[in-house]
Amino acid sequence: MIAEHVYLHPQYIGQLFKTELNQTFTDYITNKRIKYAQKLLRQTHLKVYEVAQLSGYKSAKHFMTLFKQEVGMTPIQYRQSL
């Protein structure tokens, strides 16, 4: 959708991200979503599946797996560590 919006080929957008930000577009989006989830976990009392949904994940299980890969602990452990 982004490529269509700026009238560029999706593969070219991917190459630009890799060149300019030294990460893939998918990694960039994942990082932004996890940062937002961390904020929600710090500032709200929402359940983990609600944080997952608000962060753009349909599957809470997938969200928890990615969160642990990125942060090094589960969302519940992260909240408890605050």
C-alpha atoms as a PDB file:
ATOM      1  CA  MET A   1       0.000   0.000   0.000  1.00  0.00           C
ATOM      2  CA  ILE A   2       2.851   2.390   0.764  1.00  0.00           C
ATOM      3  CA  ALA A   3       4.480   1.712  -2.582  1.00  0.00           C
ATOM      4  CA  GLU A   4       1.207   2.428  -4.372  1.00  0.00           C
ATOM      5  CA  HIS A   5       0.746   5.622  -2.395  1.00  0.00           C
ATOM      6  CA  VAL A   6       4.156   6.994  -3.425  1.00  0.00           C
ATOM      7  CA  TYR A   7       4.061   5.440  -6.921  1.00  0.00           C
ATOM      8  CA  LEU A   8       7.123   3.241  -6.436  1.00  0.00           C
ATOM      9  CA  HIS A   9       7.676  -0.483  -6.824  1.00  0.00           C
ATOM     10  CA  PRO A  10       7.383  -2.405  -3.516  1.00  0.00           C
ATOM     11  CA  GLN A  11      10.789  -4.000  -4.009  1.00  0.00           C
ATOM     12  CA  TYR A  12      12.361  -0.568  -4.457  1.00  0.00           C
ATOM     13  CA  ILE A  13      10.754   0.656  -1.233  1.00  0.00           C
ATOM     14  CA  GLY A  14      12.255  -2.381   0.516  1.00  0.00           C
ATOM     15  CA  GLN A  15      15.703  -1.588  -0.862  1.00  0.00           C
ATOM     16  CA  LEU A  16      15.403   2.036   0.275  1.00  0.00           C
ATOM     17  CA  PHE A  17      14.527   0.950   3.797  1.00  0.00           C
ATOM     18  CA  LYS A  18      17.468  -1.436   3.917  1.00  0.00           C
ATOM     19  CA  THR A  19      19.859   1.206   2.576  1.00  0.00           C
ATOM     20  CA  GLU A  20      18.655   4.165   4.633  1.00  0.00           C
ATOM     21  CA  LEU A  21      17.634   2.499   7.902  1.00  0.00           C
ATOM     22  CA  ASN A  22      19.767  -0.648   7.785  1.00  0.00           C
ATOM     23  CA  GLN A  23      16.708  -2.812   8.445  1.00  0.00           C
ATOM     24  CA  THR A  24      13.926  -4.364   6.448  1.00  0.00           C
ATOM     25  CA  PHE A  25      10.490  -2.760   6.215  1.00  0.00           C
ATOM     26  CA  THR A  26       9.031  -5.692   8.169  1.00  0.00           C
ATOM     27  CA  ASP A  27      11.617  -5.259  10.944  1.00  0.00           C
ATOM     28  CA  TYR A  28      10.855  -1.534  11.069  1.00  0.00           C
ATOM     29  CA  ILE A  29       7.108  -2.126  11.434  1.00  0.00           C
ATOM     30  CA  THR A  30       7.656  -4.854  14.031  1.00  0.00           C
ATOM     31  CA  ASN A  31       9.911  -2.548  16.043  1.00  0.00           C
ATOM     32  CA  LYS A  32       7.338   0.265  15.980  1.00  0.00           C
ATOM     33  CA  ARG A  33       4.542  -2.090  17.022  1.00  0.00           C
ATOM     34  CA  ILE A  34       6.556  -3.566  19.892  1.00  0.00           C
ATOM     35  CA  LYS A  35       7.550  -0.088  21.125  1.00  0.00           C
ATOM     36  CA  TYR A  36       3.870   0.893  21.101  1.00  0.00           C
ATOM     37  CA  ALA A  37       2.975  -2.319  22.953  1.00  0.00           C
ATOM     38  CA  GLN A  38       5.616  -1.526  25.588  1.00  0.00           C
ATOM     39  CA  LYS A  39       4.048   1.902  26.047  1.00  0.00           C
ATOM     40  CA  LEU A  40       0.599   0.355  26.457  1.00  0.00           C
ATOM     41  CA  LEU A  41       1.930  -2.182  28.945  1.00  0.00           C
ATOM     42  CA  ARG A  42       3.547   0.616  30.966  1.00  0.00           C
ATOM     43  CA  GLN A  43       0.667   3.073  30.884  1.00  0.00           C
ATOM     44  CA  THR A  44      -2.475   0.927  30.942  1.00  0.00           C
ATOM     45  CA  HIS A  45      -3.947  -2.096  32.637  1.00  0.00           C
ATOM     46  CA  LEU A  46      -5.124  -3.635  29.369  1.00  0.00           C
ATOM     47  CA  LYS A  47      -4.940  -7.386  28.986  1.00  0.00           C
ATOM     48  CA  VAL A  48      -2.153  -8.746  26.810  1.00  0.00           C
ATOM     49  CA  TYR A  49      -4.525  -9.780  24.023  1.00  0.00           C
ATOM     50  CA  GLU A  50      -5.937  -6.227  23.992  1.00  0.00           C
ATOM     51  CA  VAL A  51      -2.427  -4.772  23.760  1.00  0.00           C
ATOM     52  CA  ALA A  52      -1.723  -7.185  20.907  1.00  0.00           C
ATOM     53  CA  GLN A  53      -4.815  -6.046  19.011  1.00  0.00           C
ATOM     54  CA  LEU A  54      -4.100  -2.350  19.559  1.00  0.00           C
ATOM     55  CA  SER A  55      -0.520  -2.916  18.391  1.00  0.00           C
ATOM     56  CA  GLY A  56      -1.700  -4.363  15.097  1.00  0.00           C
ATOM     57  CA  TYR A  57      -1.575  -8.108  15.778  1.00  0.00           C
ATOM     58  CA  LYS A  58      -4.556 -10.368  15.164  1.00  0.00           C
ATOM     59  CA  SER A  59      -2.999 -13.253  17.074  1.00  0.00           C
ATOM     60  CA  ALA A  60      -2.032 -12.725  20.713  1.00  0.00           C
ATOM     61  CA  LYS A  61       0.176 -15.826  20.524  1.00  0.00           C
ATOM     62  CA  HIS A  62       2.124 -14.420  17.573  1.00  0.00           C
ATOM     63  CA  PHE A  63       2.408 -11.076  19.365  1.00  0.00           C
ATOM     64  CA  MET A  64       3.789 -12.727  22.510  1.00  0.00           C
ATOM     65  CA  THR A  65       6.355 -14.671  20.473  1.00  0.00           C
ATOM     66  CA  LEU A  66       7.576 -11.534  18.672  1.00  0.00           C
ATOM     67  CA  PHE A  67       7.543  -9.499  21.882  1.00  0.00           C
ATOM     68  CA  LYS A  68       9.759 -12.048  23.631  1.00  0.00           C
ATOM     69  CA  GLN A  69      12.153 -12.146  20.652  1.00  0.00           C
ATOM     70  CA  GLU A  70      12.449  -8.351  20.582  1.00  0.00           C
ATOM     71  CA  VAL A  71      12.403  -7.531  24.307  1.00  0.00           C
ATOM     72  CA  GLY A  72      13.819 -10.703  25.838  1.00  0.00           C
ATOM     73  CA  MET A  73      10.815 -11.350  28.086  1.00  0.00           C
ATOM     74  CA  THR A  74       7.107 -11.962  27.725  1.00  0.00           C
ATOM     75  CA  PRO A  75       4.656  -9.050  27.904  1.00  0.00           C
ATOM     76  CA  ILE A  76       3.574 -10.166  31.389  1.00  0.00           C
ATOM     77  CA  GLN A  77       7.193 -10.358  32.584  1.00  0.00           C
ATOM     78  CA  TYR A  78       7.808  -6.925  31.061  1.00  0.00           C
ATOM     79  CA  ARG A  79       4.860  -5.422  32.917  1.00  0.00           C
ATOM     80  CA  GLN A  80       5.916  -7.090  36.175  1.00  0.00           C
ATOM     81  CA  SER A  81       9.454  -5.735  35.814  1.00  0.00           C
ATOM     82  CA  LEU A  82       8.225  -2.133  35.851  1.00  0.00           C
END
